[in-house]
Amino acid sequence: MQNNPQQTARVGLFFLLGVALIWVAFETLSDGKVFKDKGYTIIAGFDNVRELKLGDEVRMAGVKVGSVEETRLTGRRAEAVLRIAPGVIIPNDANATILSAGLLGTNYIGVDLGTPGAPPLLAGAEIKTKITADINTIMAQLGDLGTKLDNALGSIGDAMKGKDGKPGLFQRLDTLLADNGGNITETMKNLKEVSGKLNSGEGTLGKLINDPKLHDELLAAVTDIKSAANNAKGFMTDAQAIVDQVKSGQGTLGTLIYNDEAGQNIKVVTKNLRDISDKLAKGEGTLGKLINDDVLYRDAQGTLKKVDRMVEGLADQGPISAVGVVANSLF
């Protein structure tokens, strides 16, 4: 019995279709890398890989550059082996982080761009990692925050309404107002009187508020104070300039203080004056003898007496006789 040609064609078509489906499924499961270069692997270490699984994406700046090839436990940490596509360069200072694709999406590895010009990570190297809070941690923290908020609100409620027979805040405020109603009324009355006086210009503060002349005088006084402050500032500036000149050895005072030669000259002059005063005190020299020796004083007195007698004689004698009188008086 001969086969029907149409049946043979149908069998062949189904066979080819099955082969194509098997090929598509294989390519999908192998990520299309049956005959392609598989790239290289790097290691990312975490405290917790957060449900990462085989095939989860590795993204760099949001672009898929690889996938998770394996997750494993090494010592006291978990590691993810990342398969990076060929031609993708990851700097050695880049950081890998476990991120979530949406609130309920799957996790993936996010890698930043690192520093431009940094050396690339080699195959088998370990990439730096950063820890970020996952959704479970955030929800747990929100739960703790809600509990604390509930406790705080309960405490506020107890304080407001009272607890264990103790009056609440509103009850205490009501009691306070009832007990001090008269004082509050009196205080408000005093405040009203004070504000009325201020408005009518009574008192120093009222005049200051309502009298423009007093206001202008106050501004003038403030201006004078500012002027005095500026003058004082200028005086301090001048004084500082003088001090700077003295420190730099300028001027007479600066020369006396900082010039060694001038200082030596002052020492010499002081020593000479001291020597002169010592000689005068000891009666040395003409001036010293004149100060300390009374013989010169007596001689001077005798000479003056002779001059007096000579003058008296000149009044009674002629010119020739006067010369003789002078000579006789002096000698």
C-alpha atoms as a PDB file:
ATOM      1  CA  MET A   1       0.000   0.000   0.000  1.00  0.00           C
ATOM      2  CA  GLN A   2       1.433   3.252  -1.073  1.00  0.00           C
ATOM      3  CA  ASN A   3       1.504   6.309   1.226  1.00  0.00           C
ATOM      4  CA  ASN A   4      -0.567   9.254   0.294  1.00  0.00           C
ATOM      5  CA  PRO A   5       1.742  12.142  -0.816  1.00  0.00           C
ATOM      6  CA  GLN A   6      -0.342  14.652   1.108  1.00  0.00           C
ATOM      7  CA  GLN A   7      -0.028  12.609   4.280  1.00  0.00           C
ATOM      8  CA  THR A   8       3.725  12.401   3.810  1.00  0.00           C
ATOM      9  CA  ALA A   9       3.939  16.158   3.357  1.00  0.00           C
ATOM     10  CA  ARG A  10       1.887  16.722   6.493  1.00  0.00           C
ATOM     11  CA  VAL A  11       4.169  14.453   8.532  1.00  0.00           C
ATOM     12  CA  GLY A  12       7.222  16.256   7.250  1.00  0.00           C
ATOM     13  CA  LEU A  13       5.692  19.671   8.011  1.00  0.00           C
ATOM     14  CA  PHE A  14       4.826  18.638  11.566  1.00  0.00           C
ATOM     15  CA  PHE A  15       8.350  17.268  11.993  1.00  0.00           C
ATOM     16  CA  LEU A  16       9.915  20.562  10.865  1.00  0.00           C
ATOM     17  CA  LEU A  17       7.535  22.531  13.082  1.00  0.00           C
ATOM     18  CA  GLY A  18       8.483  20.394  16.083  1.00  0.00           C
ATOM     19  CA  VAL A  19      12.196  20.900  15.395  1.00  0.00           C
ATOM     20  CA  ALA A  20      11.625  24.671  15.161  1.00  0.00           C
ATOM     21  CA  LEU A  21       9.720  24.718  18.463  1.00  0.00           C
ATOM     22  CA  ILE A  22      12.455  22.707  20.170  1.00  0.00           C
ATOM     23  CA  TRP A  23      15.066  25.135  18.807  1.00  0.00           C
ATOM     24  CA  VAL A  24      13.129  28.199  19.993  1.00  0.00           C
ATOM     25  CA  ALA A  25      12.657  26.687  23.464  1.00  0.00           C
ATOM     26  CA  PHE A  26      16.345  25.774  23.699  1.00  0.00           C
ATOM     27  CA  GLU A  27      17.442  29.232  22.592  1.00  0.00           C
ATOM     28  CA  THR A  28      15.125  30.825  25.114  1.00  0.00           C
ATOM     29  CA  LEU A  29      16.337  28.690  27.989  1.00  0.00           C
ATOM     30  CA  SER A  30      19.983  29.176  27.047  1.00  0.00           C
ATOM     31  CA  ASP A  31      19.486  32.945  26.594  1.00  0.00           C
ATOM     32  CA  GLY A  32      20.504  32.663  22.955  1.00  0.00           C
ATOM     33  CA  LYS A  33      24.074  31.777  23.741  1.00  0.00           C
ATOM     34  CA  VAL A  34      24.489  28.346  22.290  1.00  0.00           C
ATOM     35  CA  PHE A  35      26.963  29.367  19.677  1.00  0.00           C
ATOM     36  CA  LYS A  36      27.946  32.721  21.119  1.00  0.00           C
ATOM     37  CA  ASP A  37      30.725  33.804  23.419  1.00  0.00           C
ATOM     38  CA  LYS A  38      29.439  33.514  26.976  1.00  0.00           C
ATOM     39  CA  GLY A  39      31.404  36.552  28.193  1.00  0.00           C
ATOM     40  CA  TYR A  40      33.010  36.460  31.641  1.00  0.00           C
ATOM     41  CA  THR A  41      31.937  36.097  35.253  1.00  0.00           C
ATOM     42  CA  ILE A  42      32.479  38.312  38.311  1.00  0.00           C
ATOM     43  CA  ILE A  43      31.601  37.738  41.968  1.00  0.00           C
ATOM     44  CA  ALA A  44      29.307  39.939  44.100  1.00  0.00           C
ATOM     45  CA  GLY A  45      29.202  39.258  47.851  1.00  0.00           C
ATOM     46  CA  PHE A  46      26.201  40.214  50.032  1.00  0.00           C
ATOM     47  CA  ASP A  47      24.905  39.595  53.539  1.00  0.00           C
ATOM     48  CA  ASN A  48      21.665  38.447  51.920  1.00  0.00           C
ATOM     49  CA  VAL A  49      20.980  37.860  48.215  1.00  0.00           C
ATOM     50  CA  ARG A  50      17.244  38.595  48.765  1.00  0.00           C
ATOM     51  CA  GLU A  51      15.673  35.878  46.671  1.00  0.00           C
ATOM     52  CA  LEU A  52      17.980  36.336  43.672  1.00  0.00           C
ATOM     53  CA  LYS A  53      17.773  33.358  41.379  1.00  0.00           C
ATOM     54  CA  LEU A  54      19.306  31.960  38.237  1.00  0.00           C
ATOM     55  CA  GLY A  55      18.608  34.163  35.227  1.00  0.00           C
ATOM     56  CA  ASP A  56      17.843  37.409  37.079  1.00  0.00           C
ATOM     57  CA  GLU A  57      19.184  40.369  35.144  1.00  0.00           C
ATOM     58  CA  VAL A  58      22.326  42.393  35.716  1.00  0.00           C
ATOM     59  CA  ARG A  59      21.756  46.001  34.638  1.00  0.00           C
ATOM     60  CA  MET A  60      24.259  48.803  34.207  1.00  0.00           C
ATOM     61  CA  ALA A  61      22.727  52.290  34.057  1.00  0.00           C
ATOM     62  CA  GLY A  62      19.384  50.546  33.439  1.00  0.00           C
ATOM     63  CA  VAL A  63      20.672  48.495  30.479  1.00  0.00           C
ATOM     64  CA  LYS A  64      20.885  44.724  30.703  1.00  0.00           C
ATOM     65  CA  VAL A  65      24.538  43.638  30.541  1.00  0.00           C
ATOM     66  CA  GLY A  66      24.325  40.127  31.990  1.00  0.00           C
ATOM     67  CA  SER A  67      22.468  37.751  34.260  1.00  0.00           C
ATOM     68  CA  VAL A  68      22.838  35.877  37.524  1.00  0.00           C
ATOM     69  CA  GLU A  69      24.476  32.544  36.797  1.00  0.00           C
ATOM     70  CA  GLU A  70      24.594  31.134  40.325  1.00  0.00           C
ATOM     71  CA  THR A  71      23.914  32.000  43.958  1.00  0.00           C
ATOM     72  CA  ARG A  72      25.855  30.256  46.705  1.00  0.00           C
ATOM     73  CA  LEU A  73      26.724  30.445  50.387  1.00  0.00           C
ATOM     74  CA  THR A  74      30.406  30.990  51.143  1.00  0.00           C
ATOM     75  CA  GLY A  75      31.314  31.083  54.832  1.00  0.00           C
ATOM     76  CA  ARG A  76      29.208  33.715  56.557  1.00  0.00           C
ATOM     77  CA  ARG A  77      28.108  35.525  53.409  1.00  0.00           C
ATOM     78  CA  ALA A  78      26.159  34.860  50.245  1.00  0.00           C
ATOM     79  CA  GLU A  79      27.670  35.282  46.785  1.00  0.00           C
ATOM     80  CA  ALA A  80      26.114  35.853  43.389  1.00  0.00           C
ATOM     81  CA  VAL A  81      28.068  34.784  40.302  1.00  0.00           C
ATOM     82  CA  LEU A  82      27.293  37.292  37.554  1.00  0.00           C
ATOM     83  CA  ARG A  83      27.695  36.415  33.879  1.00  0.00           C
ATOM     84  CA  ILE A  84      28.603  39.640  32.027  1.00  0.00           C
ATOM     85  CA  ALA A  85      28.071  39.918  28.264  1.00  0.00           C
ATOM     86  CA  PRO A  86      31.221  40.079  26.100  1.00  0.00           C
ATOM     87  CA  GLY A  87      32.404  43.567  25.287  1.00  0.00           C
ATOM     88  CA  VAL A  88      30.899  45.123  28.430  1.00  0.00           C
ATOM     89  CA  ILE A  89      33.581  46.821  30.549  1.00  0.00           C
ATOM     90  CA  ILE A  90      32.854  47.343  34.235  1.00  0.00           C
ATOM     91  CA  PRO A  91      35.276  49.690  36.119  1.00  0.00           C
ATOM     92  CA  ASN A  92      36.926  48.222  39.180  1.00  0.00           C
ATOM     93  CA  ASP A  93      35.466  50.968  41.399  1.00  0.00           C
ATOM     94  CA  ALA A  94      31.849  50.299  40.330  1.00  0.00           C
ATOM     95  CA  ASN A  95      29.338  49.145  42.942  1.00  0.00           C
ATOM     96  CA  ALA A  96      26.717  46.421  42.642  1.00  0.00           C
ATOM     97  CA  THR A  97      23.391  46.656  44.485  1.00  0.00           C
ATOM     98  CA  ILE A  98      20.385  44.357  44.749  1.00  0.00           C
ATOM     99  CA  LEU A  99      17.364  46.332  43.508  1.00  0.00           C
ATOM    100  CA  SER A 100      13.725  45.575  42.933  1.00  0.00           C
ATOM    101  CA  ALA A 101      11.880  46.088  39.645  1.00  0.00           C
ATOM    102  CA  GLY A 102       8.806  47.803  41.081  1.00  0.00           C
ATOM    103  CA  LEU A 103       7.028  47.271  44.357  1.00  0.00           C
ATOM    104  CA  LEU A 104       6.148  43.642  43.628  1.00  0.00           C
ATOM    105  CA  GLY A 105       8.662  42.975  40.830  1.00  0.00           C
ATOM    106  CA  THR A 106      11.585  40.589  40.781  1.00  0.00           C
ATOM    107  CA  ASN A 107      15.001  41.543  42.075  1.00  0.00           C
ATOM    108  CA  TYR A 108      17.969  42.303  39.863  1.00  0.00           C
ATOM    109  CA  ILE A 109      21.587  43.443  40.201  1.00  0.00           C
ATOM    110  CA  GLY A 110      22.174  47.130  39.497  1.00  0.00           C
ATOM    111  CA  VAL A 111      25.736  48.257  38.674  1.00  0.00           C
ATOM    112  CA  ASP A 112      26.752  51.926  38.543  1.00  0.00           C
ATOM    113  CA  LEU A 113      29.094  53.378  35.904  1.00  0.00           C
ATOM    114  CA  GLY A 114      32.069  53.902  38.220  1.00  0.00           C
ATOM    115  CA  THR A 115      34.798  56.439  37.505  1.00  0.00           C
ATOM    116  CA  PRO A 116      35.733  57.236  33.885  1.00  0.00           C
ATOM    117  CA  GLY A 117      39.171  55.882  33.027  1.00  0.00           C
ATOM    118  CA  ALA A 118      39.260  53.395  35.904  1.00  0.00           C
ATOM    119  CA  PRO A 119      40.800  49.978  35.143  1.00  0.00           C
ATOM    120  CA  PRO A 120      38.255  47.280  34.179  1.00  0.00           C
ATOM    121  CA  LEU A 121      37.300  44.326  36.326  1.00  0.00           C
ATOM    122  CA  LEU A 122      38.922  41.118  35.149  1.00  0.00           C
ATOM    123  CA  ALA A 123      37.190  37.775  34.831  1.00  0.00           C
ATOM    124  CA  GLY A 124      36.697  36.130  38.224  1.00  0.00           C
ATOM    125  CA  ALA A 125      37.288  39.396  40.128  1.00  0.00           C
ATOM    126  CA  GLU A 126      34.991  40.575  42.907  1.00  0.00           C
ATOM    127  CA  ILE A 127      32.928  43.715  42.467  1.00  0.00           C
ATOM    128  CA  LYS A 128      32.217  46.107  45.336  1.00  0.00           C
ATOM    129  CA  THR A 129      28.703  45.938  46.746  1.00  0.00           C
ATOM    130  CA  LYS A 130      26.369  48.303  48.591  1.00  0.00           C
ATOM    131  CA  ILE A 131      23.557  47.346  50.939  1.00  0.00           C
ATOM    132  CA  THR A 132      20.116  48.892  50.452  1.00  0.00           C
ATOM    133  CA  ALA A 133      16.927  48.258  52.378  1.00  0.00           C
ATOM    134  CA  ASP A 134      14.601  45.751  50.739  1.00  0.00           C
ATOM    135  CA  ILE A 135      10.832  45.841  50.773  1.00  0.00           C
ATOM    136  CA  ASN A 136      10.621  43.399  53.691  1.00  0.00           C
ATOM    137  CA  THR A 137      12.910  45.540  55.833  1.00  0.00           C
ATOM    138  CA  ILE A 138      10.979  48.687  54.927  1.00  0.00           C
ATOM    139  CA  MET A 139       7.660  47.055  55.766  1.00  0.00           C
ATOM    140  CA  ALA A 140       9.046  45.812  59.086  1.00  0.00           C
ATOM    141  CA  GLN A 141      10.283  49.307  59.922  1.00  0.00           C
ATOM    142  CA  LEU A 142       6.901  50.755  58.963  1.00  0.00           C
ATOM    143  CA  GLY A 143       5.250  48.221  61.253  1.00  0.00           C
ATOM    144  CA  ASP A 144       7.524  49.253  64.134  1.00  0.00           C
ATOM    145  CA  LEU A 145       6.809  52.907  63.381  1.00  0.00           C
ATOM    146  CA  GLY A 146       3.081  52.228  63.412  1.00  0.00           C
ATOM    147  CA  THR A 147       3.365  50.485  66.777  1.00  0.00           C
ATOM    148  CA  LYS A 148       5.331  53.388  68.233  1.00  0.00           C
ATOM    149  CA  LEU A 149       2.852  55.883  66.790  1.00  0.00           C
ATOM    150  CA  ASP A 150      -0.060  53.933  68.256  1.00  0.00           C
ATOM    151  CA  ASN A 151       1.633  53.922  71.667  1.00  0.00           C
ATOM    152  CA  ALA A 152       2.327  57.645  71.409  1.00  0.00           C
ATOM    153  CA  LEU A 153      -1.286  58.396  70.476  1.00  0.00           C
ATOM    154  CA  GLY A 154      -2.452  56.233  73.369  1.00  0.00           C
ATOM    155  CA  SER A 155      -0.224  58.167  75.764  1.00  0.00           C
ATOM    156  CA  ILE A 156      -1.564  61.472  74.404  1.00  0.00           C
ATOM    157  CA  GLY A 157      -5.116  60.213  74.795  1.00  0.00           C
ATOM    158  CA  ASP A 158      -4.456  59.166  78.390  1.00  0.00           C
ATOM    159  CA  ALA A 159      -2.946  62.586  79.096  1.00  0.00           C
ATOM    160  CA  MET A 160      -5.948  64.324  77.568  1.00  0.00           C
ATOM    161  CA  LYS A 161      -8.722  62.338  79.282  1.00  0.00           C
ATOM    162  CA  GLY A 162      -6.860  61.329  82.446  1.00  0.00           C
ATOM    163  CA  LYS A 163      -6.038  57.929  83.836  1.00  0.00           C
ATOM    164  CA  ASP A 164      -6.239  56.089  87.175  1.00  0.00           C
ATOM    165  CA  GLY A 165      -8.468  58.769  88.701  1.00  0.00           C
ATOM    166  CA  LYS A 166      -6.111  61.592  87.750  1.00  0.00           C
ATOM    167  CA  PRO A 167      -7.627  64.558  85.878  1.00  0.00           C
ATOM    168  CA  GLY A 168      -6.756  64.994  82.223  1.00  0.00           C
ATOM    169  CA  LEU A 169      -5.226  67.978  80.485  1.00  0.00           C
ATOM    170  CA  PHE A 170      -8.529  69.571  79.580  1.00  0.00           C
ATOM    171  CA  GLN A 171      -9.856  69.046  83.090  1.00  0.00           C
ATOM    172  CA  ARG A 172      -6.757  70.708  84.523  1.00  0.00           C
ATOM    173  CA  LEU A 173      -7.107  73.631  82.110  1.00  0.00           C
ATOM    174  CA  ASP A 174     -10.762  74.024  83.059  1.00  0.00           C
ATOM    175  CA  THR A 175      -9.859  73.998  86.767  1.00  0.00           C
ATOM    176  CA  LEU A 176      -7.033  76.477  86.190  1.00  0.00           C
ATOM    177  CA  LEU A 177      -9.340  78.871  84.347  1.00  0.00           C
ATOM    178  CA  ALA A 178     -12.039  78.551  86.997  1.00  0.00           C
ATOM    179  CA  ASP A 179      -9.630  79.201  89.886  1.00  0.00           C
ATOM    180  CA  ASN A 180      -7.876  82.128  88.197  1.00  0.00           C
ATOM    181  CA  GLY A 181     -10.764  83.714  86.311  1.00  0.00           C
ATOM    182  CA  GLY A 182     -10.602  86.913  88.382  1.00  0.00           C
ATOM    183  CA  ASN A 183      -6.840  87.262  87.931  1.00  0.00           C
ATOM    184  CA  ILE A 184      -7.118  86.707  84.191  1.00  0.00           C
ATOM    185  CA  THR A 185      -9.870  89.315  83.951  1.00  0.00           C
ATOM    186  CA  GLU A 186      -7.790  91.816  85.922  1.00  0.00           C
ATOM    187  CA  THR A 187      -4.742  91.103  83.777  1.00  0.00           C
ATOM    188  CA  MET A 188      -6.697  91.656  80.585  1.00  0.00           C
ATOM    189  CA  LYS A 189      -8.042  94.918  82.018  1.00  0.00           C
ATOM    190  CA  ASN A 190      -4.506  96.092  82.830  1.00  0.00           C
ATOM    191  CA  LEU A 191      -3.317  95.163  79.357  1.00  0.00           C
ATOM    192  CA  LYS A 192      -6.207  97.125  77.869  1.00  0.00           C
ATOM    193  CA  GLU A 193      -5.295 100.179  79.955  1.00  0.00           C
ATOM    194  CA  VAL A 194      -1.627  99.918  78.984  1.00  0.00           C
ATOM    195  CA  SER A 195      -2.486  99.616  75.310  1.00  0.00           C
ATOM    196  CA  GLY A 196      -4.833 102.616  75.610  1.00  0.00           C
ATOM    197  CA  LYS A 197      -2.071 104.740  77.156  1.00  0.00           C
ATOM    198  CA  LEU A 198       0.353 103.687  74.454  1.00  0.00           C
ATOM    199  CA  ASN A 199      -2.192 104.580  71.792  1.00  0.00           C
ATOM    200  CA  SER A 200      -2.826 108.001  73.352  1.00  0.00           C
ATOM    201  CA  GLY A 201       0.901 108.755  73.594  1.00  0.00           C
ATOM    202  CA  GLU A 202       1.219 108.624  77.387  1.00  0.00           C
ATOM    203  CA  GLY A 203       4.462 107.633  78.998  1.00  0.00           C
ATOM    204  CA  THR A 204       7.914 107.301  77.467  1.00  0.00           C
ATOM    205  CA  LEU A 205       7.026 104.338  75.266  1.00  0.00           C
ATOM    206  CA  GLY A 206       3.773 105.961  74.163  1.00  0.00           C
ATOM    207  CA  LYS A 207       5.567 109.189  73.184  1.00  0.00           C
ATOM    208  CA  LEU A 208       8.211 107.210  71.374  1.00  0.00           C
ATOM    209  CA  ILE A 209       5.501 105.464  69.380  1.00  0.00           C
ATOM    210  CA  ASN A 210       3.304 108.499  68.647  1.00  0.00           C
ATOM    211  CA  ASP A 211       5.602 111.576  68.761  1.00  0.00           C
ATOM    212  CA  PRO A 212       7.484 111.966  65.456  1.00  0.00           C
ATOM    213  CA  LYS A 213       9.794 114.590  66.991  1.00  0.00           C
ATOM    214  CA  LEU A 214      10.975 112.164  69.659  1.00  0.00           C
ATOM    215  CA  HIS A 215      11.390 109.566  66.956  1.00  0.00           C
ATOM    216  CA  ASP A 216      13.552 111.943  64.913  1.00  0.00           C
ATOM    217  CA  GLU A 217      15.638 112.831  67.993  1.00  0.00           C
ATOM    218  CA  LEU A 218      16.148 109.154  68.701  1.00  0.00           C
ATOM    219  CA  LEU A 219      17.296 108.603  65.113  1.00  0.00           C
ATOM    220  CA  ALA A 220      19.644 111.609  65.432  1.00  0.00           C
ATOM    221  CA  ALA A 221      21.082 110.159  68.648  1.00  0.00           C
ATOM    222  CA  VAL A 222      21.598 106.838  66.931  1.00  0.00           C
ATOM    223  CA  THR A 223      23.305 108.664  64.045  1.00  0.00           C
ATOM    224  CA  ASP A 224      25.611 110.459  66.515  1.00  0.00           C
ATOM    225  CA  ILE A 225      26.429 107.157  68.155  1.00  0.00           C
ATOM    226  CA  LYS A 226      27.291 105.671  64.775  1.00  0.00           C
ATOM    227  CA  SER A 227      29.455 108.708  63.977  1.00  0.00           C
ATOM    228  CA  ALA A 228      31.251 108.391  67.317  1.00  0.00           C
ATOM    229  CA  ALA A 229      31.773 104.700  66.627  1.00  0.00           C
ATOM    230  CA  ASN A 230      33.230 105.524  63.198  1.00  0.00           C
ATOM    231  CA  ASN A 231      35.528 108.147  64.772  1.00  0.00           C
ATOM    232  CA  ALA A 232      36.628 105.633  67.371  1.00  0.00           C
ATOM    233  CA  LYS A 233      37.254 103.157  64.604  1.00  0.00           C
ATOM    234  CA  GLY A 234      39.353 105.750  62.742  1.00  0.00           C
ATOM    235  CA  PHE A 235      41.280 106.528  65.949  1.00  0.00           C
ATOM    236  CA  MET A 236      41.970 102.843  66.459  1.00  0.00           C
ATOM    237  CA  THR A 237      43.111 102.595  62.847  1.00  0.00           C
ATOM    238  CA  ASP A 238      45.499 105.537  63.309  1.00  0.00           C
ATOM    239  CA  ALA A 239      46.761 104.089  66.576  1.00  0.00           C
ATOM    240  CA  GLN A 240      47.347 100.774  64.879  1.00  0.00           C
ATOM    241  CA  ALA A 241      49.233 102.547  62.095  1.00  0.00           C
ATOM    242  CA  ILE A 242      51.439 104.282  64.694  1.00  0.00           C
ATOM    243  CA  VAL A 243      52.076 100.991  66.442  1.00  0.00           C
ATOM    244  CA  ASP A 244      52.964  99.400  63.103  1.00  0.00           C
ATOM    245  CA  GLN A 245      55.404 102.243  62.352  1.00  0.00           C
ATOM    246  CA  VAL A 246      56.992 101.873  65.772  1.00  0.00           C
ATOM    247  CA  LYS A 247      57.281  98.098  65.291  1.00  0.00           C
ATOM    248  CA  SER A 248      58.876  98.634  61.892  1.00  0.00           C
ATOM    249  CA  GLY A 249      61.437 101.010  63.436  1.00  0.00           C
ATOM    250  CA  GLN A 250      60.092 104.145  61.713  1.00  0.00           C
ATOM    251  CA  GLY A 251      59.997 107.563  63.386  1.00  0.00           C
ATOM    252  CA  THR A 252      61.853 108.791  66.448  1.00  0.00           C
ATOM    253  CA  LEU A 253      60.170 106.414  68.888  1.00  0.00           C
ATOM    254  CA  GLY A 254      60.594 103.452  66.577  1.00  0.00           C
ATOM    255  CA  THR A 255      64.265 104.316  66.080  1.00  0.00           C
ATOM    256  CA  LEU A 256      64.805 104.640  69.835  1.00  0.00           C
ATOM    257  CA  ILE A 257      63.138 101.274  70.497  1.00  0.00           C
ATOM    258  CA  TYR A 258      64.338  99.119  67.599  1.00  0.00           C
ATOM    259  CA  ASN A 259      67.541 100.859  66.314  1.00  0.00           C
ATOM    260  CA  ASP A 260      70.536  99.307  68.050  1.00  0.00           C
ATOM    261  CA  GLU A 261      72.833 102.200  67.105  1.00  0.00           C
ATOM    262  CA  ALA A 262      70.453 104.775  68.579  1.00  0.00           C
ATOM    263  CA  GLY A 263      70.154 102.666  71.708  1.00  0.00           C
ATOM    264  CA  GLN A 264      73.919 102.503  72.062  1.00  0.00           C
ATOM    265  CA  ASN A 265      74.157 106.291  71.600  1.00  0.00           C
ATOM    266  CA  ILE A 266      71.562 106.819  74.332  1.00  0.00           C
ATOM    267  CA  LYS A 267      73.553 104.542  76.622  1.00  0.00           C
ATOM    268  CA  VAL A 268      76.741 106.525  75.879  1.00  0.00           C
ATOM    269  CA  VAL A 269      75.026 109.872  76.519  1.00  0.00           C
ATOM    270  CA  THR A 270      73.527 108.533  79.742  1.00  0.00           C
ATOM    271  CA  LYS A 271      76.938 107.291  80.861  1.00  0.00           C
ATOM    272  CA  ASN A 272      78.554 110.655  80.044  1.00  0.00           C
ATOM    273  CA  LEU A 273      75.880 112.540  81.984  1.00  0.00           C
ATOM    274  CA  ARG A 274      76.398 110.206  84.889  1.00  0.00           C
ATOM    275  CA  ASP A 275      80.179 110.776  84.758  1.00  0.00           C
ATOM    276  CA  ILE A 276      79.666 114.543  84.645  1.00  0.00           C
ATOM    277  CA  SER A 277      77.262 114.433  87.597  1.00  0.00           C
ATOM    278  CA  ASP A 278      79.751 112.289  89.554  1.00  0.00           C
ATOM    279  CA  LYS A 279      82.548 114.792  88.837  1.00  0.00           C
ATOM    280  CA  LEU A 280      80.344 117.705  89.842  1.00  0.00           C
ATOM    281  CA  ALA A 281      79.427 115.920  93.030  1.00  0.00           C
ATOM    282  CA  LYS A 282      83.127 115.280  93.755  1.00  0.00           C
ATOM    283  CA  GLY A 283      84.042 118.919  93.011  1.00  0.00           C
ATOM    284  CA  GLU A 284      86.169 118.100  90.003  1.00  0.00           C
ATOM    285  CA  GLY A 285      86.643 120.661  87.245  1.00  0.00           C
ATOM    286  CA  THR A 286      85.853 124.384  87.269  1.00  0.00           C
ATOM    287  CA  LEU A 287      82.076 123.923  87.572  1.00  0.00           C
ATOM    288  CA  GLY A 288      82.535 121.291  90.248  1.00  0.00           C
ATOM    289  CA  LYS A 289      84.787 123.515  92.269  1.00  0.00           C
ATOM    290  CA  LEU A 290      82.442 126.442  91.786  1.00  0.00           C
ATOM    291  CA  ILE A 291      79.588 124.297  93.159  1.00  0.00           C
ATOM    292  CA  ASN A 292      81.451 122.571  95.997  1.00  0.00           C
ATOM    293  CA  ASP A 293      84.408 124.945  96.965  1.00  0.00           C
ATOM    294  CA  ASP A 294      83.305 128.017  99.005  1.00  0.00           C
ATOM    295  CA  VAL A 295      86.779 129.592  98.556  1.00  0.00           C
ATOM    296  CA  LEU A 296      85.845 130.683  95.041  1.00  0.00           C
ATOM    297  CA  TYR A 297      82.641 132.115  96.439  1.00  0.00           C
ATOM    298  CA  ARG A 298      84.556 134.133  99.025  1.00  0.00           C
ATOM    299  CA  ASP A 299      87.075 135.299  96.409  1.00  0.00           C
ATOM    300  CA  ALA A 300      84.250 136.398  94.163  1.00  0.00           C
ATOM    301  CA  GLN A 301      82.694 138.329  97.030  1.00  0.00           C
ATOM    302  CA  GLY A 302      86.041 140.065  97.767  1.00  0.00           C
ATOM    303  CA  THR A 303      86.428 140.975  94.096  1.00  0.00           C
ATOM    304  CA  LEU A 304      82.918 142.411  94.000  1.00  0.00           C
ATOM    305  CA  LYS A 305      83.657 144.494  97.100  1.00  0.00           C
ATOM    306  CA  LYS A 306      86.808 145.853  95.452  1.00  0.00           C
ATOM    307  CA  VAL A 307      84.806 146.732  92.339  1.00  0.00           C
ATOM    308  CA  ASP A 308      82.309 148.602  94.523  1.00  0.00           C
ATOM    309  CA  ARG A 309      85.087 150.621  96.179  1.00  0.00           C
ATOM    310  CA  MET A 310      86.613 151.344  92.773  1.00  0.00           C
ATOM    311  CA  VAL A 311      83.315 152.643  91.446  1.00  0.00           C
ATOM    312  CA  GLU A 312      82.917 154.894  94.498  1.00  0.00           C
ATOM    313  CA  GLY A 313      86.461 156.240  93.972  1.00  0.00           C
ATOM    314  CA  LEU A 314      85.851 156.962  90.310  1.00  0.00           C
ATOM    315  CA  ALA A 315      83.016 159.205  91.232  1.00  0.00           C
ATOM    316  CA  ASP A 316      85.407 161.510  93.214  1.00  0.00           C
ATOM    317  CA  GLN A 317      88.560 161.429  90.993  1.00  0.00           C
ATOM    318  CA  GLY A 318      89.502 162.651  87.579  1.00  0.00           C
ATOM    319  CA  PRO A 319      90.388 160.392  84.667  1.00  0.00           C
ATOM    320  CA  ILE A 320      94.064 159.922  85.580  1.00  0.00           C
ATOM    321  CA  SER A 321      93.348 159.473  89.201  1.00  0.00           C
ATOM    322  CA  ALA A 322      90.585 157.087  88.321  1.00  0.00           C
ATOM    323  CA  VAL A 323      93.076 154.786  86.586  1.00  0.00           C
ATOM    324  CA  GLY A 324      95.208 154.738  89.650  1.00  0.00           C
ATOM    325  CA  VAL A 325      92.269 154.075  91.872  1.00  0.00           C
ATOM    326  CA  VAL A 326      91.211 151.116  89.699  1.00  0.00           C
ATOM    327  CA  ALA A 327      94.718 149.692  89.690  1.00  0.00           C
ATOM    328  CA  ASN A 328      95.042 150.187  93.427  1.00  0.00           C
ATOM    329  CA  SER A 329      91.670 148.612  94.064  1.00  0.00           C
ATOM    330  CA  LEU A 330      92.346 145.565  91.942  1.00  0.00           C
ATOM    331  CA  PHE A 331      95.917 144.971  92.995  1.00  0.00           C
END
